[in-house]
């Protein structure tokens, strides 16, 4: 399990999340444009505005990347848990092929696609054997959707 974040990192995460949400809002984008126009209208030097906007851009970019990293870590954790559950179901089902457990780590994408096609053929054969074509079609669509990431 991942180490808990220290207090300073937790505060930084909350500040990053709040500011990135705030600056992603359309009203804030309009406010920044109005601020820039007002800056020039009041006759301030462009150097100060350029520096401020550069710092703001770098800071906001880092905040967005920080949030994205946290989401990717969470997604990875969920993926690992899902694969563990699926592997357990494969091992527990008598008719399932145990060699499919863990293929996401062992096989390349082409080999996984071939296995998916093989699974669709097995479903089709089972549907013909049991004379239940409608369920076979549903199962094939489900396999295709999972393979396409939907």
N, C-alpha and C. Protein backbone atom coordinates (compact mmCIF):
# COMPACT_ATOMS: atom_id res chain seq x y z
N UNK A 1 0.84 -1.18 0.00
CA UNK A 1 0.00 0.00 0.00
C UNK A 1 0.88 1.24 0.00
N UNK A 2 0.43 2.29 -0.65
CA UNK A 2 1.21 3.52 -0.76
C UNK A 2 1.36 4.19 0.60
N UNK A 3 2.49 4.82 0.77
CA UNK A 3 2.76 5.56 2.00
C UNK A 3 1.83 6.76 2.09
N UNK A 4 1.31 7.05 3.29
CA UNK A 4 0.46 8.24 3.40
C UNK A 4 1.28 9.51 3.17
N UNK A 5 0.64 10.52 2.58
CA UNK A 5 1.33 11.76 2.28
C UNK A 5 1.50 12.57 3.55
N UNK A 6 2.64 13.28 3.65
CA UNK A 6 2.82 14.11 4.83
C UNK A 6 1.90 15.32 4.77
N UNK A 7 1.79 16.01 5.86
CA UNK A 7 0.82 17.11 6.01
C UNK A 7 1.04 18.21 4.97
N UNK A 8 2.29 18.58 4.71
CA UNK A 8 2.60 19.64 3.76
C UNK A 8 2.16 19.26 2.35
N UNK A 9 2.37 18.02 1.97
CA UNK A 9 1.97 17.55 0.65
C UNK A 9 0.44 17.54 0.54
N UNK A 10 -0.24 17.14 1.60
CA UNK A 10 -1.70 17.15 1.61
C UNK A 10 -2.24 18.56 1.42
N UNK A 11 -1.64 19.52 2.11
CA UNK A 11 -2.06 20.93 1.96
C UNK A 11 -1.80 21.40 0.53
N UNK A 12 -0.62 21.08 0.01
CA UNK A 12 -0.29 21.45 -1.37
C UNK A 12 -1.27 20.85 -2.37
N UNK A 13 -1.65 19.59 -2.14
CA UNK A 13 -2.62 18.95 -3.03
C UNK A 13 -3.96 19.67 -3.01
N UNK A 14 -4.40 20.04 -1.81
CA UNK A 14 -5.70 20.74 -1.70
C UNK A 14 -5.64 22.11 -2.38
N UNK A 15 -4.53 22.84 -2.16
CA UNK A 15 -4.38 24.16 -2.79
C UNK A 15 -4.33 24.00 -4.31
N UNK A 16 -3.56 23.03 -4.79
CA UNK A 16 -3.46 22.79 -6.23
C UNK A 16 -4.81 22.46 -6.83
N UNK A 17 -5.54 21.58 -6.18
CA UNK A 17 -6.85 21.19 -6.67
C UNK A 17 -7.80 22.38 -6.72
N UNK A 18 -7.81 23.18 -5.66
CA UNK A 18 -8.70 24.34 -5.61
C UNK A 18 -8.36 25.36 -6.69
N UNK A 19 -7.08 25.69 -6.82
CA UNK A 19 -6.68 26.69 -7.80
C UNK A 19 -6.88 26.20 -9.23
N UNK A 20 -6.57 24.93 -9.49
CA UNK A 20 -6.75 24.45 -10.86
C UNK A 20 -8.22 24.43 -11.23
N UNK A 21 -9.10 24.09 -10.29
CA UNK A 21 -10.54 24.14 -10.56
C UNK A 21 -11.00 25.58 -10.78
N UNK A 22 -10.50 26.48 -9.95
CA UNK A 22 -10.87 27.90 -10.06
C UNK A 22 -10.45 28.47 -11.42
N UNK A 23 -9.21 28.24 -11.81
CA UNK A 23 -8.71 28.82 -13.06
C UNK A 23 -9.22 28.09 -14.30
N UNK A 24 -9.79 26.91 -14.12
CA UNK A 24 -10.39 26.20 -15.26
C UNK A 24 -11.78 26.73 -15.58
N UNK A 25 -12.36 27.48 -14.69
CA UNK A 25 -13.72 28.01 -14.88
C UNK A 25 -13.69 29.11 -15.95
N UNK A 26 -14.69 29.13 -16.80
CA UNK A 26 -14.74 30.10 -17.91
C UNK A 26 -14.75 31.53 -17.38
N UNK A 27 -15.42 31.79 -16.26
CA UNK A 27 -15.47 33.15 -15.71
C UNK A 27 -14.08 33.63 -15.32
N UNK A 28 -13.25 32.73 -14.81
CA UNK A 28 -11.88 33.12 -14.43
C UNK A 28 -11.06 33.44 -15.68
N UNK A 29 -11.28 32.72 -16.74
CA UNK A 29 -10.55 33.00 -17.97
C UNK A 29 -10.93 34.38 -18.51
N UNK A 30 -12.20 34.71 -18.42
CA UNK A 30 -12.64 36.05 -18.84
C UNK A 30 -12.05 37.11 -17.92
N UNK A 31 -11.99 36.80 -16.62
CA UNK A 31 -11.42 37.74 -15.65
C UNK A 31 -9.95 38.01 -15.95
N UNK A 32 -9.20 36.99 -16.34
CA UNK A 32 -7.78 37.17 -16.67
C UNK A 32 -7.65 38.08 -17.89
N UNK A 33 -8.50 37.90 -18.88
CA UNK A 33 -8.47 38.76 -20.07
C UNK A 33 -8.79 40.20 -19.69
N UNK A 34 -9.81 40.38 -18.88
CA UNK A 34 -10.17 41.74 -18.43
C UNK A 34 -9.02 42.35 -17.63
N UNK A 35 -8.38 41.54 -16.78
CA UNK A 35 -7.24 42.03 -16.00
C UNK A 35 -6.12 42.51 -16.92
N UNK A 36 -5.83 41.74 -17.96
CA UNK A 36 -4.76 42.11 -18.89
C UNK A 36 -5.11 43.40 -19.64
N UNK A 37 -6.34 43.52 -20.08
CA UNK A 37 -6.77 44.74 -20.78
C UNK A 37 -6.68 45.94 -19.84
N UNK A 38 -7.14 45.76 -18.61
CA UNK A 38 -7.08 46.84 -17.62
C UNK A 38 -5.64 47.24 -17.33
N UNK A 39 -4.76 46.25 -17.28
CA UNK A 39 -3.33 46.52 -17.02
C UNK A 39 -2.79 47.49 -18.07
N UNK A 40 -3.06 47.20 -19.32
CA UNK A 40 -2.58 48.08 -20.39
C UNK A 40 -3.33 49.42 -20.40
N UNK A 41 -4.62 49.40 -20.13
CA UNK A 41 -5.42 50.62 -20.13
C UNK A 41 -4.95 51.59 -19.05
N UNK A 42 -4.52 51.04 -17.91
CA UNK A 42 -4.03 51.89 -16.82
C UNK A 42 -2.60 52.36 -17.07
N UNK A 43 -1.97 51.83 -18.09
CA UNK A 43 -0.65 52.31 -18.49
C UNK A 43 0.51 51.65 -17.76
N UNK A 44 0.28 50.51 -17.13
CA UNK A 44 1.38 49.81 -16.46
C UNK A 44 2.30 49.20 -17.51
N UNK A 45 3.53 48.93 -17.10
CA UNK A 45 4.51 48.34 -18.02
C UNK A 45 4.16 46.89 -18.34
N UNK A 46 4.38 46.54 -19.58
CA UNK A 46 4.06 45.17 -20.03
C UNK A 46 4.99 44.15 -19.39
N UNK A 47 6.19 44.56 -18.98
CA UNK A 47 7.13 43.62 -18.38
C UNK A 47 6.56 42.98 -17.11
N UNK A 48 5.91 43.78 -16.28
CA UNK A 48 5.33 43.25 -15.04
C UNK A 48 4.22 42.26 -15.33
N UNK A 49 3.37 42.57 -16.30
CA UNK A 49 2.28 41.67 -16.67
C UNK A 49 2.84 40.38 -17.27
N UNK A 50 3.84 40.50 -18.12
CA UNK A 50 4.45 39.33 -18.73
C UNK A 50 5.03 38.41 -17.66
N UNK A 51 5.73 39.01 -16.70
CA UNK A 51 6.31 38.20 -15.63
C UNK A 51 5.21 37.53 -14.80
N UNK A 52 4.18 38.27 -14.45
CA UNK A 52 3.10 37.72 -13.64
C UNK A 52 2.38 36.58 -14.37
N UNK A 53 2.08 36.79 -15.65
CA UNK A 53 1.38 35.75 -16.41
C UNK A 53 2.26 34.52 -16.63
N UNK A 54 3.56 34.73 -16.80
CA UNK A 54 4.48 33.59 -16.96
C UNK A 54 4.52 32.75 -15.68
N UNK A 55 4.63 33.43 -14.55
CA UNK A 55 4.65 32.72 -13.26
C UNK A 55 3.32 31.99 -13.06
N UNK A 56 2.22 32.66 -13.36
CA UNK A 56 0.90 32.05 -13.22
C UNK A 56 0.76 30.82 -14.12
N UNK A 57 1.22 30.93 -15.35
CA UNK A 57 1.13 29.81 -16.29
C UNK A 57 1.94 28.61 -15.81
N UNK A 58 3.15 28.86 -15.37
CA UNK A 58 4.00 27.77 -14.89
C UNK A 58 3.39 27.13 -13.65
N UNK A 59 2.90 27.95 -12.73
CA UNK A 59 2.31 27.44 -11.50
C UNK A 59 1.05 26.61 -11.79
N UNK A 60 0.18 27.14 -12.63
CA UNK A 60 -1.05 26.42 -12.96
C UNK A 60 -0.76 25.12 -13.70
N UNK A 61 0.23 25.14 -14.57
CA UNK A 61 0.60 23.92 -15.28
C UNK A 61 1.06 22.85 -14.30
N UNK A 62 1.88 23.26 -13.33
CA UNK A 62 2.35 22.30 -12.33
C UNK A 62 1.20 21.78 -11.49
N UNK A 63 0.24 22.65 -11.16
CA UNK A 63 -0.92 22.22 -10.37
C UNK A 63 -1.76 21.21 -11.14
N UNK A 64 -1.96 21.45 -12.42
CA UNK A 64 -2.74 20.52 -13.24
C UNK A 64 -2.00 19.18 -13.36
N UNK A 65 -0.70 19.23 -13.57
CA UNK A 65 0.08 17.99 -13.66
C UNK A 65 0.04 17.21 -12.35
N UNK A 66 0.07 17.92 -11.24
CA UNK A 66 0.00 17.28 -9.93
C UNK A 66 -1.33 16.54 -9.78
N UNK A 67 -2.42 17.19 -10.17
CA UNK A 67 -3.74 16.55 -10.10
C UNK A 67 -3.83 15.36 -11.04
N UNK A 68 -3.26 15.50 -12.23
CA UNK A 68 -3.28 14.40 -13.19
C UNK A 68 -2.49 13.21 -12.66
N UNK A 69 -1.36 13.47 -12.04
CA UNK A 69 -0.55 12.39 -11.47
C UNK A 69 -1.34 11.64 -10.40
N UNK A 70 -2.01 12.39 -9.52
CA UNK A 70 -2.82 11.75 -8.47
C UNK A 70 -3.93 10.89 -9.07
N UNK A 71 -4.58 11.39 -10.14
CA UNK A 71 -5.64 10.61 -10.79
C UNK A 71 -5.07 9.34 -11.43
N UNK A 72 -3.89 9.44 -12.02
CA UNK A 72 -3.28 8.27 -12.65
C UNK A 72 -2.88 7.22 -11.61
N UNK A 73 -2.39 7.67 -10.46
CA UNK A 73 -2.04 6.74 -9.39
C UNK A 73 -3.30 6.01 -8.92
N UNK A 74 -4.39 6.75 -8.73
CA UNK A 74 -5.65 6.16 -8.30
C UNK A 74 -6.18 5.19 -9.36
N UNK A 75 -6.09 5.57 -10.64
CA UNK A 75 -6.56 4.70 -11.72
C UNK A 75 -5.73 3.41 -11.76
N UNK A 76 -4.44 3.54 -11.57
CA UNK A 76 -3.56 2.36 -11.57
C UNK A 76 -3.94 1.43 -10.41
N UNK A 77 -4.20 2.01 -9.24
CA UNK A 77 -4.60 1.22 -8.08
C UNK A 77 -5.89 0.46 -8.37
N UNK A 78 -6.87 1.15 -8.99
CA UNK A 78 -8.13 0.50 -9.33
C UNK A 78 -7.92 -0.60 -10.37
N UNK A 79 -7.06 -0.35 -11.36
CA UNK A 79 -6.78 -1.36 -12.39
C UNK A 79 -6.16 -2.62 -11.78
N UNK A 80 -5.21 -2.43 -10.88
CA UNK A 80 -4.56 -3.58 -10.24
C UNK A 80 -5.58 -4.37 -9.43
N UNK A 81 -6.45 -3.66 -8.70
CA UNK A 81 -7.48 -4.34 -7.92
C UNK A 81 -8.45 -5.10 -8.83
N UNK A 82 -8.85 -4.47 -9.93
CA UNK A 82 -9.78 -5.12 -10.87
C UNK A 82 -9.16 -6.38 -11.47
N UNK A 83 -7.89 -6.30 -11.84
CA UNK A 83 -7.22 -7.47 -12.41
C UNK A 83 -7.12 -8.58 -11.37
N UNK A 84 -6.87 -8.24 -10.11
CA UNK A 84 -6.80 -9.27 -9.07
C UNK A 84 -8.16 -9.96 -8.91
N UNK A 85 -9.23 -9.17 -8.96
CA UNK A 85 -10.57 -9.75 -8.85
C UNK A 85 -10.86 -10.66 -10.04
N UNK A 86 -10.53 -10.19 -11.23
CA UNK A 86 -10.78 -11.00 -12.43
C UNK A 86 -9.95 -12.29 -12.41
N UNK A 87 -8.69 -12.18 -11.98
CA UNK A 87 -7.86 -13.37 -11.89
C UNK A 87 -8.46 -14.38 -10.91
N UNK A 88 -8.97 -13.89 -9.79
CA UNK A 88 -9.61 -14.76 -8.81
C UNK A 88 -10.83 -15.45 -9.42
N UNK A 89 -11.65 -14.70 -10.16
CA UNK A 89 -12.83 -15.30 -10.80
C UNK A 89 -12.43 -16.34 -11.84
N UNK A 90 -11.38 -16.06 -12.59
CA UNK A 90 -10.91 -17.02 -13.59
C UNK A 90 -10.47 -18.31 -12.91
N UNK A 91 -9.70 -18.17 -11.83
CA UNK A 91 -9.22 -19.36 -11.13
C UNK A 91 -10.37 -20.12 -10.46
N UNK A 92 -11.41 -19.41 -10.02
CA UNK A 92 -12.52 -20.05 -9.31
C UNK A 92 -13.51 -20.74 -10.25
N UNK A 93 -13.55 -20.31 -11.51
CA UNK A 93 -14.49 -20.89 -12.46
C UNK A 93 -13.87 -22.12 -13.10
N UNK A 94 -14.55 -23.23 -12.99
CA UNK A 94 -13.99 -24.51 -13.46
C UNK A 94 -13.78 -24.54 -14.97
N UNK A 95 -14.70 -23.94 -15.73
CA UNK A 95 -14.60 -24.01 -17.18
C UNK A 95 -13.69 -22.92 -17.76
N UNK A 96 -13.29 -21.95 -16.94
CA UNK A 96 -12.43 -20.87 -17.43
C UNK A 96 -11.00 -21.38 -17.63
N UNK A 97 -10.30 -20.71 -18.52
CA UNK A 97 -8.91 -21.10 -18.79
C UNK A 97 -8.00 -20.32 -17.85
N UNK A 98 -7.33 -21.00 -16.93
CA UNK A 98 -6.48 -20.35 -15.94
C UNK A 98 -5.33 -19.58 -16.57
N UNK A 99 -4.93 -19.96 -17.77
CA UNK A 99 -3.81 -19.25 -18.40
C UNK A 99 -4.15 -17.80 -18.77
N UNK A 100 -5.44 -17.45 -18.74
CA UNK A 100 -5.84 -16.07 -19.02
C UNK A 100 -5.57 -15.14 -17.84
N UNK A 101 -5.44 -15.70 -16.65
CA UNK A 101 -5.15 -14.87 -15.48
C UNK A 101 -3.77 -14.24 -15.64
N UNK A 102 -3.71 -12.94 -15.54
CA UNK A 102 -2.45 -12.22 -15.60
C UNK A 102 -1.93 -11.93 -16.99
N UNK A 103 -2.73 -12.12 -18.04
CA UNK A 103 -2.22 -11.91 -19.40
C UNK A 103 -1.85 -10.46 -19.68
N UNK A 104 -2.46 -9.52 -18.94
CA UNK A 104 -2.16 -8.11 -19.20
C UNK A 104 -0.71 -7.78 -18.90
N UNK A 105 -0.06 -8.61 -18.09
CA UNK A 105 1.35 -8.38 -17.77
C UNK A 105 2.28 -9.22 -18.63
N UNK A 106 1.77 -10.30 -19.22
CA UNK A 106 2.63 -11.24 -19.91
C UNK A 106 2.57 -11.14 -21.43
N UNK A 107 1.42 -10.76 -21.99
CA UNK A 107 1.23 -10.78 -23.44
C UNK A 107 1.21 -9.37 -24.00
N UNK A 108 1.58 -9.26 -25.28
CA UNK A 108 1.47 -7.95 -25.92
C UNK A 108 0.04 -7.75 -26.44
N UNK A 109 -0.24 -6.57 -26.93
CA UNK A 109 -1.61 -6.21 -27.32
C UNK A 109 -2.14 -7.11 -28.44
N UNK A 110 -1.29 -7.46 -29.39
CA UNK A 110 -1.73 -8.31 -30.51
C UNK A 110 -2.19 -9.68 -30.02
N UNK A 111 -1.43 -10.26 -29.09
CA UNK A 111 -1.79 -11.57 -28.56
C UNK A 111 -3.10 -11.50 -27.76
N UNK A 112 -3.29 -10.41 -27.04
CA UNK A 112 -4.53 -10.24 -26.27
C UNK A 112 -5.72 -10.10 -27.21
N UNK A 113 -5.53 -9.36 -28.32
CA UNK A 113 -6.61 -9.23 -29.31
C UNK A 113 -6.96 -10.60 -29.91
N UNK A 114 -5.95 -11.42 -30.17
CA UNK A 114 -6.20 -12.76 -30.70
C UNK A 114 -7.00 -13.59 -29.71
N UNK A 115 -6.67 -13.49 -28.43
CA UNK A 115 -7.42 -14.21 -27.40
C UNK A 115 -8.87 -13.72 -27.32
N UNK A 116 -9.05 -12.41 -27.51
CA UNK A 116 -10.40 -11.86 -27.50
C UNK A 116 -11.22 -12.42 -28.66
N UNK A 117 -10.62 -12.51 -29.85
CA UNK A 117 -11.31 -13.10 -31.00
C UNK A 117 -11.64 -14.57 -30.74
N UNK A 118 -10.70 -15.26 -30.13
CA UNK A 118 -10.93 -16.67 -29.79
C UNK A 118 -12.10 -16.79 -28.81
N UNK A 119 -12.19 -15.89 -27.84
CA UNK A 119 -13.30 -15.90 -26.87
C UNK A 119 -14.63 -15.67 -27.58
N UNK A 120 -14.64 -14.74 -28.56
CA UNK A 120 -15.88 -14.50 -29.31
C UNK A 120 -16.30 -15.74 -30.08
N UNK A 121 -15.34 -16.45 -30.67
CA UNK A 121 -15.65 -17.67 -31.40
C UNK A 121 -16.20 -18.75 -30.46
N UNK A 122 -15.63 -18.86 -29.26
CA UNK A 122 -16.12 -19.84 -28.30
C UNK A 122 -17.54 -19.52 -27.86
N UNK A 123 -17.82 -18.23 -27.66
CA UNK A 123 -19.17 -17.80 -27.28
C UNK A 123 -20.15 -18.14 -28.40
N UNK A 124 -19.73 -17.87 -29.64
CA UNK A 124 -20.60 -18.16 -30.78
C UNK A 124 -20.87 -19.66 -30.89
N UNK A 125 -19.85 -20.46 -30.69
CA UNK A 125 -20.02 -21.91 -30.76
C UNK A 125 -20.95 -22.40 -29.66
N UNK A 126 -20.81 -21.85 -28.47
CA UNK A 126 -21.67 -22.24 -27.35
C UNK A 126 -23.11 -21.83 -27.62
N UNK A 127 -23.31 -20.66 -28.23
CA UNK A 127 -24.66 -20.19 -28.54
C UNK A 127 -25.32 -21.10 -29.57
N UNK A 128 -24.56 -21.55 -30.56
CA UNK A 128 -25.10 -22.46 -31.58
C UNK A 128 -25.43 -23.81 -30.94
N UNK A 129 -24.52 -24.27 -30.08
CA UNK A 129 -24.71 -25.56 -29.42
C UNK A 129 -25.96 -25.56 -28.53
N UNK A 130 -26.18 -24.45 -27.83
CA UNK A 130 -27.34 -24.37 -26.93
C UNK A 130 -28.56 -23.78 -27.61
N UNK A 131 -28.40 -23.42 -28.90
CA UNK A 131 -29.49 -22.84 -29.69
C UNK A 131 -30.01 -21.53 -29.07
N UNK A 132 -29.08 -20.73 -28.54
CA UNK A 132 -29.44 -19.45 -27.91
C UNK A 132 -28.62 -18.35 -28.58
N UNK A 133 -28.96 -18.06 -29.83
CA UNK A 133 -28.22 -17.11 -30.65
C UNK A 133 -28.27 -15.70 -30.06
N UNK A 134 -29.41 -15.30 -29.50
CA UNK A 134 -29.55 -13.94 -28.95
C UNK A 134 -28.57 -13.72 -27.81
N UNK A 135 -28.46 -14.67 -26.88
CA UNK A 135 -27.50 -14.52 -25.78
C UNK A 135 -26.07 -14.54 -26.30
N UNK A 136 -25.82 -15.34 -27.32
CA UNK A 136 -24.49 -15.39 -27.92
C UNK A 136 -24.10 -14.05 -28.51
N UNK A 137 -25.05 -13.39 -29.18
CA UNK A 137 -24.78 -12.07 -29.76
C UNK A 137 -24.52 -11.05 -28.66
N UNK A 138 -25.29 -11.10 -27.58
CA UNK A 138 -25.06 -10.18 -26.46
C UNK A 138 -23.67 -10.38 -25.86
N UNK A 139 -23.29 -11.63 -25.68
CA UNK A 139 -21.97 -11.92 -25.11
C UNK A 139 -20.85 -11.45 -26.02
N UNK A 140 -21.02 -11.65 -27.33
CA UNK A 140 -19.98 -11.18 -28.28
C UNK A 140 -19.86 -9.66 -28.23
N UNK A 141 -21.00 -8.95 -28.16
CA UNK A 141 -20.95 -7.49 -28.07
C UNK A 141 -20.27 -7.05 -26.79
N UNK A 142 -20.52 -7.77 -25.70
CA UNK A 142 -19.88 -7.43 -24.42
C UNK A 142 -18.37 -7.60 -24.52
N UNK A 143 -17.93 -8.68 -25.15
CA UNK A 143 -16.50 -8.92 -25.32
C UNK A 143 -15.89 -7.82 -26.19
N UNK A 144 -16.57 -7.44 -27.25
CA UNK A 144 -16.05 -6.37 -28.12
C UNK A 144 -15.95 -5.05 -27.37
N UNK A 145 -16.95 -4.73 -26.56
CA UNK A 145 -16.93 -3.46 -25.82
C UNK A 145 -15.81 -3.44 -24.81
N UNK A 146 -15.58 -4.54 -24.11
CA UNK A 146 -14.49 -4.60 -23.14
C UNK A 146 -13.16 -4.43 -23.86
N UNK A 147 -12.99 -5.06 -24.97
CA UNK A 147 -11.74 -4.97 -25.71
C UNK A 147 -11.50 -3.59 -26.30
N UNK A 148 -12.57 -2.85 -26.57
CA UNK A 148 -12.42 -1.52 -27.14
C UNK A 148 -12.29 -0.45 -26.08
N UNK A 149 -12.34 -0.82 -24.80
CA UNK A 149 -12.19 0.13 -23.71
C UNK A 149 -13.42 0.94 -23.41
N UNK A 150 -14.61 0.47 -23.81
CA UNK A 150 -15.85 1.21 -23.54
C UNK A 150 -16.47 0.76 -22.26
